[in-house]
Protein backbone atom coordinates (compact mmCIF):
# COMPACT_ATOMS: atom_id res chain seq x y z
CA MET A 1 127.82 62.32 65.33
CA ASN A 2 125.65 59.31 65.83
CA GLY A 3 122.41 61.28 65.45
CA SER A 4 121.38 61.13 69.12
CA GLN A 5 122.01 64.82 69.79
CA PRO A 6 120.88 67.82 67.80
CA PRO A 7 123.66 69.83 66.21
CA LYS A 8 125.02 72.69 68.31
CA ARG A 9 124.22 76.24 67.25
CA SER A 10 127.03 78.57 66.49
CA GLY A 11 127.14 81.59 68.79
CA GLY A 12 126.62 85.15 67.67
CA ASP A 13 124.17 84.47 64.83
CA ASP A 14 120.97 85.35 66.67
CA LEU A 15 120.06 88.32 68.82
CA SER A 16 119.51 87.20 72.40
CA PRO A 17 116.06 87.89 73.88
CA ALA A 18 117.84 89.43 76.86
CA VAL A 19 119.22 92.07 74.48
CA ALA A 20 116.28 92.33 72.07
CA LEU A 21 113.64 93.04 74.72
CA PRO A 22 115.36 96.12 76.22
CA ILE A 23 116.10 97.43 72.71
CA MET A 24 112.44 97.06 71.74
CA ALA A 25 111.28 98.65 75.01
CA PHE A 26 113.68 101.56 74.55
CA GLY A 27 112.48 102.04 70.97
CA LEU A 28 108.82 102.03 72.00
CA LEU A 29 109.54 104.46 74.83
CA GLY A 30 111.38 106.77 72.40
CA PHE A 31 108.47 106.62 69.94
CA TRP A 32 106.01 107.42 72.72
CA TRP A 33 108.17 110.37 73.83
CA TRP A 34 108.35 111.71 70.27
CA GLN A 35 104.61 111.17 69.68
CA LEU A 36 103.63 113.25 72.72
CA GLY A 37 104.43 116.47 70.95
CA HIS A 38 106.33 119.50 72.17
CA ARG A 39 103.49 121.16 74.11
CA ALA A 40 102.42 117.98 75.97
CA ARG A 41 106.04 117.16 76.89
CA MET A 42 106.66 120.67 78.18
CA ASP A 43 103.45 120.66 80.25
CA TRP A 44 104.24 117.26 81.72
CA LEU A 45 107.88 118.03 82.49
CA SER A 46 107.06 121.48 83.87
CA GLY A 47 104.68 119.88 86.37
CA ILE A 48 107.38 117.46 87.46
CA GLY A 49 109.93 120.28 87.69
CA ARG A 50 107.65 122.48 89.80
CA ALA A 51 106.69 119.64 92.17
CA SER A 52 110.29 118.57 92.71
CA GLY A 53 112.04 121.94 92.57
CA TYR A 54 114.12 121.22 89.48
CA PRO A 55 115.62 123.91 87.24
CA PRO A 56 113.62 125.01 84.14
CA VAL A 57 112.90 122.42 81.46
CA PRO A 58 115.03 122.74 78.29
CA LYS A 59 113.32 123.21 74.92
CA ASP A 60 115.16 120.47 73.01
CA MET A 61 113.58 116.99 73.07
CA VAL A 62 116.86 115.14 73.71
CA ALA A 63 117.87 117.64 76.38
CA GLN A 64 114.51 117.06 78.08
CA VAL A 65 115.26 113.35 78.45
CA GLU A 66 118.68 114.16 79.85
CA TRP A 67 117.14 116.76 82.21
CA LEU A 68 114.58 114.28 83.54
CA PHE A 69 117.07 111.44 83.87
CA THR A 70 119.69 113.59 85.62
CA ASN A 71 117.29 115.12 88.13
CA ARG A 72 115.51 111.87 88.97
CA THR A 73 118.82 110.04 89.29
CA ASN A 74 120.11 112.70 91.69
CA ASP A 75 116.96 112.27 93.78
CA LEU A 76 117.38 108.50 93.89
CA VAL A 77 121.08 108.78 94.70
CA GLY A 78 120.08 110.95 97.65
CA MET A 79 117.57 108.33 98.79
CA PHE A 80 120.01 105.41 98.54
CA PRO A 81 121.98 106.11 101.77
CA LEU A 82 118.69 106.48 103.65
CA PHE A 83 117.53 103.14 102.28
CA LEU A 84 120.81 101.50 103.35
CA MET A 85 120.56 102.95 106.85
CA ALA A 86 116.94 101.81 107.22
CA ALA A 87 117.85 98.33 105.97
CA ALA A 88 120.83 98.07 108.33
CA ALA A 89 118.75 99.26 111.30
CA GLY A 90 116.07 96.70 110.47
CA ILE A 91 118.58 93.88 110.18
CA PHE A 92 120.29 94.75 113.46
CA GLU A 93 117.03 95.21 115.34
CA GLY A 94 115.54 92.02 113.94
CA SER A 95 118.65 90.05 114.83
CA ALA A 96 118.66 91.40 118.39
CA ARG A 97 114.98 90.64 118.90
CA ARG A 98 115.30 87.18 117.42
CA GLN A 99 118.02 86.37 119.92
CA THR A 100 116.12 87.67 122.95
CA GLU A 101 112.51 86.69 122.30
CA GLN A 102 110.76 83.47 121.43
CA LEU A 103 107.65 83.95 119.33
CA SER A 104 104.43 82.46 120.51
CA GLY A 105 101.55 81.75 118.14
CA PHE A 106 99.91 85.09 118.83
CA GLY A 107 100.44 88.04 116.55
CA LEU A 108 101.89 86.07 113.67
CA ARG A 109 99.15 87.21 111.28
CA ARG A 110 100.07 90.85 111.84
CA LYS A 111 103.76 90.01 111.61
CA ASN A 112 103.25 88.21 108.31
CA ALA A 113 101.13 91.10 107.01
CA GLY A 114 103.97 93.44 107.98
CA ARG A 115 106.44 91.26 106.10
CA ALA A 116 104.19 91.33 103.02
CA LEU A 117 103.92 95.11 103.26
CA LEU A 118 107.69 95.34 103.58
CA ILE A 119 108.07 93.31 100.38
CA LEU A 120 105.53 95.62 98.73
CA TRP A 121 107.61 98.59 99.89
CA LEU A 122 110.76 97.09 98.36
CA GLY A 123 108.83 96.55 95.12
CA LEU A 124 107.70 100.18 95.13
CA VAL A 125 111.29 101.33 95.67
CA ALA A 126 112.41 99.16 92.74
CA ALA A 127 109.55 100.47 90.59
CA SER A 128 110.41 104.07 91.40
CA ILE A 129 114.00 103.40 90.35
CA ALA A 130 113.05 101.52 87.19
CA ALA A 131 110.34 103.92 85.95
CA PRO A 132 110.86 107.39 87.43
CA VAL A 133 108.46 109.13 85.06
CA ALA A 134 104.96 110.62 85.26
CA VAL A 135 104.73 110.68 89.05
CA PRO A 136 105.85 113.70 91.09
CA TYR A 137 108.68 112.92 93.46
CA ALA A 138 106.64 114.07 96.47
CA ALA A 139 103.94 111.51 95.69
CA VAL A 140 106.50 108.72 95.38
CA GLY A 141 108.06 109.69 98.71
CA THR A 142 104.66 109.85 100.39
CA VAL A 143 103.61 106.40 99.13
CA LEU A 144 106.96 104.88 100.13
CA ALA A 145 106.82 106.47 103.58
CA LEU A 146 103.24 105.26 104.19
CA ALA A 147 104.03 101.73 103.01
CA LEU A 148 107.11 101.55 105.23
CA ALA A 149 105.18 102.93 108.21
CA ALA A 150 102.38 100.38 107.73
CA ALA A 151 104.89 97.54 107.40
CA THR A 152 106.87 98.45 110.50
CA TYR A 153 103.70 99.07 112.54
CA ASN A 154 102.25 95.66 111.66
CA MET A 155 105.53 93.89 112.29
CA ALA A 156 105.93 95.62 115.67
CA ARG A 157 102.35 94.79 116.69
CA GLY A 158 102.82 91.21 115.57
CA ARG A 159 105.91 90.79 117.70
CA GLN A 160 104.21 91.81 120.92
CA ARG A 161 103.43 88.81 123.01
CA VAL A 162 100.15 88.15 124.73
CA ARG A 163 100.72 87.73 128.46
């Protein structure tokens, strides 16, 4: 080498931050779960089980994690086709309206607010998938339904033209 470039690092020597961060987060989450104590975990999980209609909570700490993960995953798997159908309907309807209607300058504020609320709704869906703990499933569904209703209402009102 002529000294103009730094030497290349050999691969595999260091732990990538993309791997280290999830490992640290998983470790901290496991420590928090263990630190809760048996009684607090059972109270918390029993509330979730009653609100969502799950089977009884197991006594073993590892089985409790599996119980929570399995039941919440089943709920989200059930929501996924509904999300796909709502997204497809929105895409088709938006495409049809875009082809038939020219937007004037009126109502764009409401339309943009509806778009922002729709992005918020997508973020809430992603958050409910990423962290499905501590919140009863009915509350998550209610918040998602209200956010989607507000977004579609504002977008529909924003698309109406002033005559």
